[in-house]
Amino acid sequence: MRRGPSYNALAQGLHVALGALGVMVPVALRMENGRMWGTLATLVFAALKEAWWDEHFEDPETRGSGLQDFAHYLLGLGLAFIVLAIF
């Protein structure tokens, strides 16, 4: 019997975390327009990683859905904006 999170659940959690960190780090470093640049950088990174890098270099046996991965980056961005709105 297998216990703990599946590989896909762990990967999606990390996609959410990276999406959130992409905005939170520039804001924490007090960069001018940090939210905008962090969001833009995260979207470009996520699009390139899911559309090109994963297609060419990720192991087909562990590769999930690129669209699902990209959606979790977006979820991370959304969570970061919620946290920034609260604090």
C-alpha atoms as a PDB file:
ATOM      1  CA  MET A   1       0.000   0.000   0.000  1.00  0.00           C
ATOM      2  CA  ARG A   2       1.407   3.356  -1.074  1.00  0.00           C
ATOM      3  CA  ARG A   3       1.380   6.191   1.442  1.00  0.00           C
ATOM      4  CA  GLY A   4       2.004   9.895   1.126  1.00  0.00           C
ATOM      5  CA  PRO A   5       1.433  12.287  -1.746  1.00  0.00           C
ATOM      6  CA  SER A   6       1.733  11.068  -5.280  1.00  0.00           C
ATOM      7  CA  TYR A   7       4.495  12.324  -7.528  1.00  0.00           C
ATOM      8  CA  ASN A   8       1.986  14.459  -9.440  1.00  0.00           C
ATOM      9  CA  ALA A   9       0.553  16.030  -6.266  1.00  0.00           C
ATOM     10  CA  LEU A  10       4.056  16.915  -5.104  1.00  0.00           C
ATOM     11  CA  ALA A  11       4.929  18.376  -8.514  1.00  0.00           C
ATOM     12  CA  GLN A  12       1.761  20.476  -8.626  1.00  0.00           C
ATOM     13  CA  GLY A  13       2.428  21.791  -5.132  1.00  0.00           C
ATOM     14  CA  LEU A  14       5.878  22.879  -6.269  1.00  0.00           C
ATOM     15  CA  HIS A  15       4.415  24.566  -9.359  1.00  0.00           C
ATOM     16  CA  VAL A  16       2.101  26.570  -7.071  1.00  0.00           C
ATOM     17  CA  ALA A  17       5.021  27.481  -4.806  1.00  0.00           C
ATOM     18  CA  LEU A  18       7.193  28.611  -7.732  1.00  0.00           C
ATOM     19  CA  GLY A  19       4.332  30.657  -9.141  1.00  0.00           C
ATOM     20  CA  ALA A  20       3.858  32.415  -5.817  1.00  0.00           C
ATOM     21  CA  LEU A  21       7.579  32.952  -5.251  1.00  0.00           C
ATOM     22  CA  GLY A  22       7.913  34.511  -8.684  1.00  0.00           C
ATOM     23  CA  VAL A  23       5.886  37.470  -7.411  1.00  0.00           C
ATOM     24  CA  MET A  24       6.713  37.411  -3.708  1.00  0.00           C
ATOM     25  CA  VAL A  25      10.507  37.587  -4.097  1.00  0.00           C
ATOM     26  CA  PRO A  26      10.624  40.794  -6.182  1.00  0.00           C
ATOM     27  CA  VAL A  27       8.098  42.378  -3.823  1.00  0.00           C
ATOM     28  CA  ALA A  28      10.127  41.283  -0.772  1.00  0.00           C
ATOM     29  CA  LEU A  29      13.259  42.772  -2.371  1.00  0.00           C
ATOM     30  CA  ARG A  30      11.286  46.021  -2.764  1.00  0.00           C
ATOM     31  CA  MET A  31      11.835  46.155  -6.513  1.00  0.00           C
ATOM     32  CA  GLU A  32      10.058  48.982  -8.276  1.00  0.00           C
ATOM     33  CA  ASN A  33       7.035  47.434 -10.034  1.00  0.00           C
ATOM     34  CA  GLY A  34       7.972  44.091  -8.466  1.00  0.00           C
ATOM     35  CA  ARG A  35       4.491  42.635  -8.869  1.00  0.00           C
ATOM     36  CA  MET A  36       4.397  43.427 -12.571  1.00  0.00           C
ATOM     37  CA  TRP A  37       7.910  42.188 -13.361  1.00  0.00           C
ATOM     38  CA  GLY A  38       7.532  39.133 -11.142  1.00  0.00           C
ATOM     39  CA  THR A  39       4.265  38.214 -12.826  1.00  0.00           C
ATOM     40  CA  LEU A  40       5.691  38.732 -16.303  1.00  0.00           C
ATOM     41  CA  ALA A  41       8.829  36.713 -15.510  1.00  0.00           C
ATOM     42  CA  THR A  42       6.798  33.887 -13.984  1.00  0.00           C
ATOM     43  CA  LEU A  43       4.421  33.700 -16.962  1.00  0.00           C
ATOM     44  CA  VAL A  44       7.285  33.672 -19.483  1.00  0.00           C
ATOM     45  CA  PHE A  45       9.206  31.074 -17.463  1.00  0.00           C
ATOM     46  CA  ALA A  46       6.156  28.844 -17.032  1.00  0.00           C
ATOM     47  CA  ALA A  47       5.181  29.060 -20.696  1.00  0.00           C
ATOM     48  CA  LEU A  48       8.684  28.248 -21.940  1.00  0.00           C
ATOM     49  CA  LYS A  49       9.196  25.463 -19.415  1.00  0.00           C
ATOM     50  CA  GLU A  50       5.891  23.742 -20.069  1.00  0.00           C
ATOM     51  CA  ALA A  51       5.689  24.252 -23.841  1.00  0.00           C
ATOM     52  CA  TRP A  52       9.314  23.688 -24.811  1.00  0.00           C
ATOM     53  CA  TRP A  53      11.591  22.369 -22.047  1.00  0.00           C
ATOM     54  CA  ASP A  54       9.308  19.617 -20.780  1.00  0.00           C
ATOM     55  CA  GLU A  55       8.517  18.456 -24.319  1.00  0.00           C
ATOM     56  CA  HIS A  56      12.211  17.948 -25.090  1.00  0.00           C
ATOM     57  CA  PHE A  57      13.892  17.073 -21.808  1.00  0.00           C
ATOM     58  CA  GLU A  58      11.415  15.692 -19.273  1.00  0.00           C
ATOM     59  CA  ASP A  59      11.098  11.926 -18.841  1.00  0.00           C
ATOM     60  CA  PRO A  60       7.934  10.769 -20.650  1.00  0.00           C
ATOM     61  CA  GLU A  61       7.085   8.341 -17.826  1.00  0.00           C
ATOM     62  CA  THR A  62       6.907  11.077 -15.188  1.00  0.00           C
ATOM     63  CA  ARG A  63       5.712  13.896 -17.431  1.00  0.00           C
ATOM     64  CA  GLY A  64       2.286  15.189 -16.568  1.00  0.00           C
ATOM     65  CA  SER A  65       0.040  17.570 -18.424  1.00  0.00           C
ATOM     66  CA  GLY A  66       1.702  20.822 -19.499  1.00  0.00           C
ATOM     67  CA  LEU A  67      -1.638  22.614 -19.274  1.00  0.00           C
ATOM     68  CA  GLN A  68      -2.196  21.326 -15.747  1.00  0.00           C
ATOM     69  CA  ASP A  69       1.309  22.420 -14.739  1.00  0.00           C
ATOM     70  CA  PHE A  70       0.781  25.883 -16.248  1.00  0.00           C
ATOM     71  CA  ALA A  71      -2.558  26.194 -14.448  1.00  0.00           C
ATOM     72  CA  HIS A  72      -0.801  25.529 -11.140  1.00  0.00           C
ATOM     73  CA  TYR A  73       1.713  28.300 -11.864  1.00  0.00           C
ATOM     74  CA  LEU A  74      -1.298  30.595 -12.387  1.00  0.00           C
ATOM     75  CA  LEU A  75      -2.813  29.376  -9.122  1.00  0.00           C
ATOM     76  CA  GLY A  76       0.436  30.288  -7.368  1.00  0.00           C
ATOM     77  CA  LEU A  77       0.349  33.761  -8.913  1.00  0.00           C
ATOM     78  CA  GLY A  78      -3.228  34.195  -7.742  1.00  0.00           C
ATOM     79  CA  LEU A  79      -2.380  33.091  -4.217  1.00  0.00           C
ATOM     80  CA  ALA A  80       0.548  35.512  -4.113  1.00  0.00           C
ATOM     81  CA  PHE A  81      -1.723  38.403  -5.091  1.00  0.00           C
ATOM     82  CA  ILE A  82      -4.216  37.408  -2.397  1.00  0.00           C
ATOM     83  CA  VAL A  83      -1.476  37.290   0.233  1.00  0.00           C
ATOM     84  CA  LEU A  84      -0.086  40.647  -0.925  1.00  0.00           C
ATOM     85  CA  ALA A  85      -3.567  42.188  -0.795  1.00  0.00           C
ATOM     86  CA  ILE A  86      -4.032  41.003   2.792  1.00  0.00           C
ATOM     87  CA  PHE A  87      -0.593  42.090   4.011  1.00  0.00           C
END
